[in-house]
Amino acid sequence: MLAQKDGGSVPHKVNPLLKTALELGPVVLFFIAYLRLKGQMFQIGGSEYDGFIVATAGFVPLMVLSTLALWRLTGTLSKMQVLTLVLIVVFGGLSVWLNDDRFFKMKPTMIYLLFGSILAVGLLRSESYLKVVMEEMMPLKAEGWMILTRRLCMFFFALAVANEILWRTQSTETWVYFKTFGLSAAMFGFFMLHAKLFQTYALETTEDEATKD
């Protein structure tokens, strides 16, 4: 099920637009559902649920289905995708089951703490676990991977703190906007700001080496 570097399953090529739709579609639909259902109350099975919980109840199975579809199409899933899905099911399920939105709001915190901790363990062992996940996407020299891993590790912890502050001090609507757009924009900005690092520590291609000889 998981992507393997050597001797494992080989990813299948998938239309980039379809891949993006499967990865981002559930989040976008959750956002739209929340905007349409916010402020409303629903009587289900003798219990009363607000729009946020109902939107969450739809998001969890949709995320499971989209991830399974991505697996079927590509033939592989990264460990980060699997861990993220598990946390979504656990914390989203708890929010719906206990009718308490706090569990779902804590989910990004748990995700970023988990990813940050995994990278930190690798750093303590003088290894870059980030390289294992992203090496094919961004071939870098060992020093570059270590620098990027240290910075991303700290960034994950910062995002975890930011999420905790936001959901505990701001309205649900503010948190939904932050989760849908703020976290994605922050991650995009992080990698954009490291464009120079990617250039500095990029591995030379075979063509570059042949040109020098």
C-alpha atoms as a PDB file:
ATOM      1  CA  MET A   1       0.000   0.000   0.000  1.00  0.00           C
ATOM      2  CA  LEU A   2       2.811   2.369   0.811  1.00  0.00           C
ATOM      3  CA  ALA A   3       5.318   3.630  -1.706  1.00  0.00           C
ATOM      4  CA  GLN A   4       8.621   1.821  -1.467  1.00  0.00           C
ATOM      5  CA  LYS A   5      11.898   3.068  -2.800  1.00  0.00           C
ATOM      6  CA  ASP A   6      13.452  -0.261  -3.772  1.00  0.00           C
ATOM      7  CA  GLY A   7      11.633  -3.378  -4.839  1.00  0.00           C
ATOM      8  CA  GLY A   8       8.207  -1.878  -3.988  1.00  0.00           C
ATOM      9  CA  SER A   9       5.220  -0.883  -6.034  1.00  0.00           C
ATOM     10  CA  VAL A  10       5.829   1.446  -8.950  1.00  0.00           C
ATOM     11  CA  PRO A  11       3.536   4.515  -9.035  1.00  0.00           C
ATOM     12  CA  HIS A  12       1.253   4.756 -12.059  1.00  0.00           C
ATOM     13  CA  LYS A  13       1.033   7.976 -14.029  1.00  0.00           C
ATOM     14  CA  VAL A  14      -2.219   9.838 -13.366  1.00  0.00           C
ATOM     15  CA  ASN A  15      -3.661  12.975 -14.920  1.00  0.00           C
ATOM     16  CA  PRO A  16      -2.341  15.819 -12.705  1.00  0.00           C
ATOM     17  CA  LEU A  17      -5.725  17.543 -12.659  1.00  0.00           C
ATOM     18  CA  LEU A  18      -7.447  14.366 -11.478  1.00  0.00           C
ATOM     19  CA  LYS A  19      -4.779  13.802  -8.823  1.00  0.00           C
ATOM     20  CA  THR A  20      -5.180  17.373  -7.557  1.00  0.00           C
ATOM     21  CA  ALA A  21      -8.978  17.024  -7.532  1.00  0.00           C
ATOM     22  CA  LEU A  22      -8.752  13.869  -5.410  1.00  0.00           C
ATOM     23  CA  GLU A  23      -6.294  15.443  -2.981  1.00  0.00           C
ATOM     24  CA  LEU A  24      -7.977  18.839  -2.574  1.00  0.00           C
ATOM     25  CA  GLY A  25     -11.572  18.012  -3.488  1.00  0.00           C
ATOM     26  CA  PRO A  26     -12.666  16.791  -0.025  1.00  0.00           C
ATOM     27  CA  VAL A  27     -11.242  19.904   1.658  1.00  0.00           C
ATOM     28  CA  VAL A  28     -12.958  22.241  -0.809  1.00  0.00           C
ATOM     29  CA  LEU A  29     -16.269  20.388  -0.447  1.00  0.00           C
ATOM     30  CA  PHE A  30     -15.986  20.544   3.355  1.00  0.00           C
ATOM     31  CA  PHE A  31     -15.484  24.294   3.119  1.00  0.00           C
ATOM     32  CA  ILE A  32     -18.502  24.721   0.821  1.00  0.00           C
ATOM     33  CA  ALA A  33     -20.659  22.463   3.010  1.00  0.00           C
ATOM     34  CA  TYR A  34     -19.720  24.418   6.114  1.00  0.00           C
ATOM     35  CA  LEU A  35     -20.600  27.753   4.498  1.00  0.00           C
ATOM     36  CA  ARG A  36     -24.012  26.385   3.475  1.00  0.00           C
ATOM     37  CA  LEU A  37     -24.767  24.682   6.804  1.00  0.00           C
ATOM     38  CA  LYS A  38     -23.232  27.046   9.363  1.00  0.00           C
ATOM     39  CA  GLY A  39     -25.685  28.365  11.901  1.00  0.00           C
ATOM     40  CA  GLN A  40     -28.152  25.559  11.222  1.00  0.00           C
ATOM     41  CA  MET A  41     -29.140  22.750  13.592  1.00  0.00           C
ATOM     42  CA  PHE A  42     -30.079  19.232  12.485  1.00  0.00           C
ATOM     43  CA  GLN A  43     -32.028  16.586  14.400  1.00  0.00           C
ATOM     44  CA  ILE A  44     -30.459  13.189  13.613  1.00  0.00           C
ATOM     45  CA  GLY A  45     -31.200   9.999  15.544  1.00  0.00           C
ATOM     46  CA  GLY A  46     -32.648  11.905  18.466  1.00  0.00           C
ATOM     47  CA  SER A  47     -29.579  14.152  18.831  1.00  0.00           C
ATOM     48  CA  GLU A  48     -29.038  17.711  17.666  1.00  0.00           C
ATOM     49  CA  TYR A  49     -26.009  18.509  15.520  1.00  0.00           C
ATOM     50  CA  ASP A  50     -24.833  21.857  14.209  1.00  0.00           C
ATOM     51  CA  GLY A  51     -23.715  22.488  10.642  1.00  0.00           C
ATOM     52  CA  PHE A  52     -20.019  22.073  11.437  1.00  0.00           C
ATOM     53  CA  ILE A  53     -20.505  18.536  12.777  1.00  0.00           C
ATOM     54  CA  VAL A  54     -22.691  17.594   9.798  1.00  0.00           C
ATOM     55  CA  ALA A  55     -20.036  18.913   7.379  1.00  0.00           C
ATOM     56  CA  THR A  56     -17.393  16.932   9.285  1.00  0.00           C
ATOM     57  CA  ALA A  57     -19.520  13.774   9.077  1.00  0.00           C
ATOM     58  CA  GLY A  58     -19.527  14.123   5.307  1.00  0.00           C
ATOM     59  CA  PHE A  59     -15.849  15.034   5.050  1.00  0.00           C
ATOM     60  CA  VAL A  60     -14.460  11.928   6.775  1.00  0.00           C
ATOM     61  CA  PRO A  61     -15.919   9.257   4.428  1.00  0.00           C
ATOM     62  CA  LEU A  62     -15.276  11.508   1.437  1.00  0.00           C
ATOM     63  CA  MET A  63     -11.597  11.733   2.420  1.00  0.00           C
ATOM     64  CA  VAL A  64     -11.444   7.952   2.808  1.00  0.00           C
ATOM     65  CA  LEU A  65     -12.989   7.411  -0.632  1.00  0.00           C
ATOM     66  CA  SER A  66     -10.746   9.961  -2.347  1.00  0.00           C
ATOM     67  CA  THR A  67      -7.625   8.449  -0.764  1.00  0.00           C
ATOM     68  CA  LEU A  68      -8.660   4.937  -1.805  1.00  0.00           C
ATOM     69  CA  ALA A  69      -9.348   6.214  -5.332  1.00  0.00           C
ATOM     70  CA  LEU A  70      -5.902   7.825  -5.395  1.00  0.00           C
ATOM     71  CA  TRP A  71      -4.364   4.543  -4.279  1.00  0.00           C
ATOM     72  CA  ARG A  72      -6.221   2.595  -6.969  1.00  0.00           C
ATOM     73  CA  LEU A  73      -5.135   5.034  -9.667  1.00  0.00           C
ATOM     74  CA  THR A  74      -1.508   5.514  -8.636  1.00  0.00           C
ATOM     75  CA  GLY A  75      -0.844   2.126  -7.080  1.00  0.00           C
ATOM     76  CA  THR A  76       0.823   3.749  -4.073  1.00  0.00           C
ATOM     77  CA  LEU A  77       0.312   6.030  -1.086  1.00  0.00           C
ATOM     78  CA  SER A  78       2.962   7.881   0.882  1.00  0.00           C
ATOM     79  CA  LYS A  79       3.299   7.285   4.605  1.00  0.00           C
ATOM     80  CA  MET A  80       2.286  10.901   5.195  1.00  0.00           C
ATOM     81  CA  GLN A  81      -0.964  10.359   3.275  1.00  0.00           C
ATOM     82  CA  VAL A  82      -1.765   7.249   5.296  1.00  0.00           C
ATOM     83  CA  LEU A  83      -0.995   8.913   8.640  1.00  0.00           C
ATOM     84  CA  THR A  84      -3.047  11.958   7.695  1.00  0.00           C
ATOM     85  CA  LEU A  85      -6.014   9.779   6.742  1.00  0.00           C
ATOM     86  CA  VAL A  86      -5.811   7.838  10.018  1.00  0.00           C
ATOM     87  CA  LEU A  87      -5.842  11.059  12.054  1.00  0.00           C
ATOM     88  CA  ILE A  88      -8.742  12.447  10.018  1.00  0.00           C
ATOM     89  CA  VAL A  89     -10.789   9.300  10.646  1.00  0.00           C
ATOM     90  CA  VAL A  90      -9.925   9.219  14.360  1.00  0.00           C
ATOM     91  CA  PHE A  91     -10.426  12.879  15.226  1.00  0.00           C
ATOM     92  CA  GLY A  92     -13.232  13.471  12.739  1.00  0.00           C
ATOM     93  CA  GLY A  93     -14.980  10.344  13.975  1.00  0.00           C
ATOM     94  CA  LEU A  94     -14.631  11.448  17.598  1.00  0.00           C
ATOM     95  CA  SER A  95     -16.114  14.860  16.784  1.00  0.00           C
ATOM     96  CA  VAL A  96     -19.171  13.277  15.158  1.00  0.00           C
ATOM     97  CA  TRP A  97     -19.569  10.488  17.699  1.00  0.00           C
ATOM     98  CA  LEU A  98     -19.241  12.788  20.734  1.00  0.00           C
ATOM     99  CA  ASN A  99     -20.884  15.754  18.960  1.00  0.00           C
ATOM    100  CA  ASP A 100     -17.890  17.879  19.925  1.00  0.00           C
ATOM    101  CA  ASP A 101     -16.107  19.977  17.282  1.00  0.00           C
ATOM    102  CA  ARG A 102     -12.966  20.357  19.399  1.00  0.00           C
ATOM    103  CA  PHE A 103     -11.589  16.979  18.308  1.00  0.00           C
ATOM    104  CA  PHE A 104     -11.730  17.842  14.617  1.00  0.00           C
ATOM    105  CA  LYS A 105     -10.199  21.257  15.273  1.00  0.00           C
ATOM    106  CA  MET A 106      -7.310  19.579  17.099  1.00  0.00           C
ATOM    107  CA  LYS A 107      -6.636  17.304  14.124  1.00  0.00           C
ATOM    108  CA  PRO A 108      -4.208  19.679  12.303  1.00  0.00           C
ATOM    109  CA  THR A 109      -2.327  20.135  15.576  1.00  0.00           C
ATOM    110  CA  MET A 110      -1.870  16.381  15.925  1.00  0.00           C
ATOM    111  CA  ILE A 111      -0.848  16.023  12.274  1.00  0.00           C
ATOM    112  CA  TYR A 112       1.826  18.719  12.449  1.00  0.00           C
ATOM    113  CA  LEU A 113       3.090  17.540  15.839  1.00  0.00           C
ATOM    114  CA  LEU A 114       3.373  14.004  14.483  1.00  0.00           C
ATOM    115  CA  PHE A 115       5.190  15.036  11.307  1.00  0.00           C
ATOM    116  CA  GLY A 116       7.457  17.422  13.227  1.00  0.00           C
ATOM    117  CA  SER A 117       8.286  14.717  15.779  1.00  0.00           C
ATOM    118  CA  ILE A 118       9.073  12.161  13.058  1.00  0.00           C
ATOM    119  CA  LEU A 119      11.479  14.603  11.398  1.00  0.00           C
ATOM    120  CA  ALA A 120      12.997  15.446  14.809  1.00  0.00           C
ATOM    121  CA  VAL A 121      13.688  11.754  15.527  1.00  0.00           C
ATOM    122  CA  GLY A 122      15.474  11.483  12.197  1.00  0.00           C
ATOM    123  CA  LEU A 123      17.535  14.594  12.932  1.00  0.00           C
ATOM    124  CA  LEU A 124      18.596  13.141  16.294  1.00  0.00           C
ATOM    125  CA  ARG A 125      19.893  10.164  14.334  1.00  0.00           C
ATOM    126  CA  SER A 126      21.599  12.515  11.842  1.00  0.00           C
ATOM    127  CA  GLU A 127      19.188  11.384   9.124  1.00  0.00           C
ATOM    128  CA  SER A 128      16.651  13.169   6.947  1.00  0.00           C
ATOM    129  CA  TYR A 129      13.370  11.259   6.880  1.00  0.00           C
ATOM    130  CA  LEU A 130      12.092  14.004   4.591  1.00  0.00           C
ATOM    131  CA  LYS A 131      14.509  12.755   1.935  1.00  0.00           C
ATOM    132  CA  VAL A 132      12.835   9.329   1.978  1.00  0.00           C
ATOM    133  CA  VAL A 133       9.458  10.910   1.140  1.00  0.00           C
ATOM    134  CA  MET A 134      10.485  13.641  -1.289  1.00  0.00           C
ATOM    135  CA  GLU A 135      13.775  12.566  -2.863  1.00  0.00           C
ATOM    136  CA  GLU A 136      12.221  11.750  -6.240  1.00  0.00           C
ATOM    137  CA  MET A 137      10.458  15.123  -6.361  1.00  0.00           C
ATOM    138  CA  MET A 138      13.450  17.235  -5.325  1.00  0.00           C
ATOM    139  CA  PRO A 139      16.869  15.563  -5.691  1.00  0.00           C
ATOM    140  CA  LEU A 140      19.169  17.406  -3.282  1.00  0.00           C
ATOM    141  CA  LYS A 141      22.598  16.912  -1.787  1.00  0.00           C
ATOM    142  CA  ALA A 142      22.714  15.415   1.724  1.00  0.00           C
ATOM    143  CA  GLU A 143      23.538  18.788   3.314  1.00  0.00           C
ATOM    144  CA  GLY A 144      20.563  20.387   1.610  1.00  0.00           C
ATOM    145  CA  TRP A 145      18.206  17.697   2.883  1.00  0.00           C
ATOM    146  CA  MET A 146      19.413  18.189   6.461  1.00  0.00           C
ATOM    147  CA  ILE A 147      18.950  21.969   6.305  1.00  0.00           C
ATOM    148  CA  LEU A 148      15.494  21.640   4.780  1.00  0.00           C
ATOM    149  CA  THR A 149      14.498  18.960   7.291  1.00  0.00           C
ATOM    150  CA  ARG A 150      15.541  21.097  10.278  1.00  0.00           C
ATOM    151  CA  ARG A 151      13.586  24.072   9.002  1.00  0.00           C
ATOM    152  CA  LEU A 152      10.508  22.063   8.068  1.00  0.00           C
ATOM    153  CA  CYS A 153      10.573  20.356  11.460  1.00  0.00           C
ATOM    154  CA  MET A 154      10.447  23.741  13.217  1.00  0.00           C
ATOM    155  CA  PHE A 155       7.808  24.934  10.752  1.00  0.00           C
ATOM    156  CA  PHE A 156       5.545  21.961  11.529  1.00  0.00           C
ATOM    157  CA  PHE A 157       5.768  22.707  15.246  1.00  0.00           C
ATOM    158  CA  ALA A 158       4.995  26.380  14.563  1.00  0.00           C
ATOM    159  CA  LEU A 159       1.898  25.396  12.554  1.00  0.00           C
ATOM    160  CA  ALA A 160       0.763  23.149  15.410  1.00  0.00           C
ATOM    161  CA  VAL A 161       1.035  26.062  17.839  1.00  0.00           C
ATOM    162  CA  ALA A 162      -0.738  28.403  15.406  1.00  0.00           C
ATOM    163  CA  ASN A 163      -3.635  25.973  14.989  1.00  0.00           C
ATOM    164  CA  GLU A 164      -4.015  25.588  18.747  1.00  0.00           C
ATOM    165  CA  ILE A 165      -4.115  29.366  19.236  1.00  0.00           C
ATOM    166  CA  LEU A 166      -6.604  29.870  16.393  1.00  0.00           C
ATOM    167  CA  TRP A 167      -9.192  27.263  17.322  1.00  0.00           C
ATOM    168  CA  ARG A 168      -9.057  28.104  21.014  1.00  0.00           C
ATOM    169  CA  THR A 169      -9.327  31.872  20.633  1.00  0.00           C
ATOM    170  CA  GLN A 170     -11.238  32.475  17.403  1.00  0.00           C
ATOM    171  CA  SER A 171     -14.662  31.590  16.024  1.00  0.00           C
ATOM    172  CA  THR A 172     -15.333  28.340  14.182  1.00  0.00           C
ATOM    173  CA  GLU A 173     -15.743  30.253  10.913  1.00  0.00           C
ATOM    174  CA  THR A 174     -12.351  31.915  11.326  1.00  0.00           C
ATOM    175  CA  TRP A 175     -10.765  28.541  12.022  1.00  0.00           C
ATOM    176  CA  VAL A 176     -12.390  26.977   8.926  1.00  0.00           C
ATOM    177  CA  TYR A 177     -10.942  29.736   6.727  1.00  0.00           C
ATOM    178  CA  PHE A 178      -7.567  29.273   8.404  1.00  0.00           C
ATOM    179  CA  LYS A 179      -7.637  25.489   7.903  1.00  0.00           C
ATOM    180  CA  THR A 180      -8.815  25.690   4.293  1.00  0.00           C
ATOM    181  CA  PHE A 181      -6.624  28.531   3.056  1.00  0.00           C
ATOM    182  CA  GLY A 182      -4.174  29.617   5.758  1.00  0.00           C
ATOM    183  CA  LEU A 183      -2.413  26.300   6.341  1.00  0.00           C
ATOM    184  CA  SER A 184      -2.142  25.537   2.606  1.00  0.00           C
ATOM    185  CA  ALA A 185      -0.830  29.037   1.867  1.00  0.00           C
ATOM    186  CA  ALA A 186       1.697  28.742   4.700  1.00  0.00           C
ATOM    187  CA  MET A 187       3.026  25.448   3.367  1.00  0.00           C
ATOM    188  CA  PHE A 188       3.205  26.806  -0.186  1.00  0.00           C
ATOM    189  CA  GLY A 189       4.997  29.914   1.056  1.00  0.00           C
ATOM    190  CA  PHE A 190       7.504  27.831   3.019  1.00  0.00           C
ATOM    191  CA  PHE A 191       8.673  25.949  -0.065  1.00  0.00           C
ATOM    192  CA  MET A 192       8.631  29.061  -2.238  1.00  0.00           C
ATOM    193  CA  LEU A 193      10.912  30.829   0.236  1.00  0.00           C
ATOM    194  CA  HIS A 194      13.355  27.923  -0.059  1.00  0.00           C
ATOM    195  CA  ALA A 195      13.750  28.157  -3.826  1.00  0.00           C
ATOM    196  CA  LYS A 196      17.349  29.357  -3.391  1.00  0.00           C
ATOM    197  CA  LEU A 197      18.140  26.367  -1.163  1.00  0.00           C
ATOM    198  CA  PHE A 198      16.809  24.011  -3.845  1.00  0.00           C
ATOM    199  CA  GLN A 199      19.047  25.690  -6.421  1.00  0.00           C
ATOM    200  CA  THR A 200      22.120  25.728  -4.184  1.00  0.00           C
ATOM    201  CA  TYR A 201      21.953  22.088  -3.134  1.00  0.00           C
ATOM    202  CA  ALA A 202      20.396  20.557  -6.262  1.00  0.00           C
ATOM    203  CA  LEU A 203      22.104  17.427  -7.519  1.00  0.00           C
ATOM    204  CA  GLU A 204      23.755  17.817 -10.894  1.00  0.00           C
ATOM    205  CA  THR A 205      22.013  15.873 -13.642  1.00  0.00           C
ATOM    206  CA  THR A 206      23.815  13.466 -15.941  1.00  0.00           C
ATOM    207  CA  GLU A 207      23.572  16.001 -18.770  1.00  0.00           C
ATOM    208  CA  ASP A 208      25.199  18.700 -16.636  1.00  0.00           C
ATOM    209  CA  GLU A 209      28.063  16.358 -15.761  1.00  0.00           C
ATOM    210  CA  ALA A 210      28.506  15.361 -19.405  1.00  0.00           C
ATOM    211  CA  THR A 211      28.706  19.012 -20.433  1.00  0.00           C
ATOM    212  CA  LYS A 212      31.495  19.658 -17.944  1.00  0.00           C
ATOM    213  CA  ASP A 213      33.612  16.719 -19.191  1.00  0.00           C
END
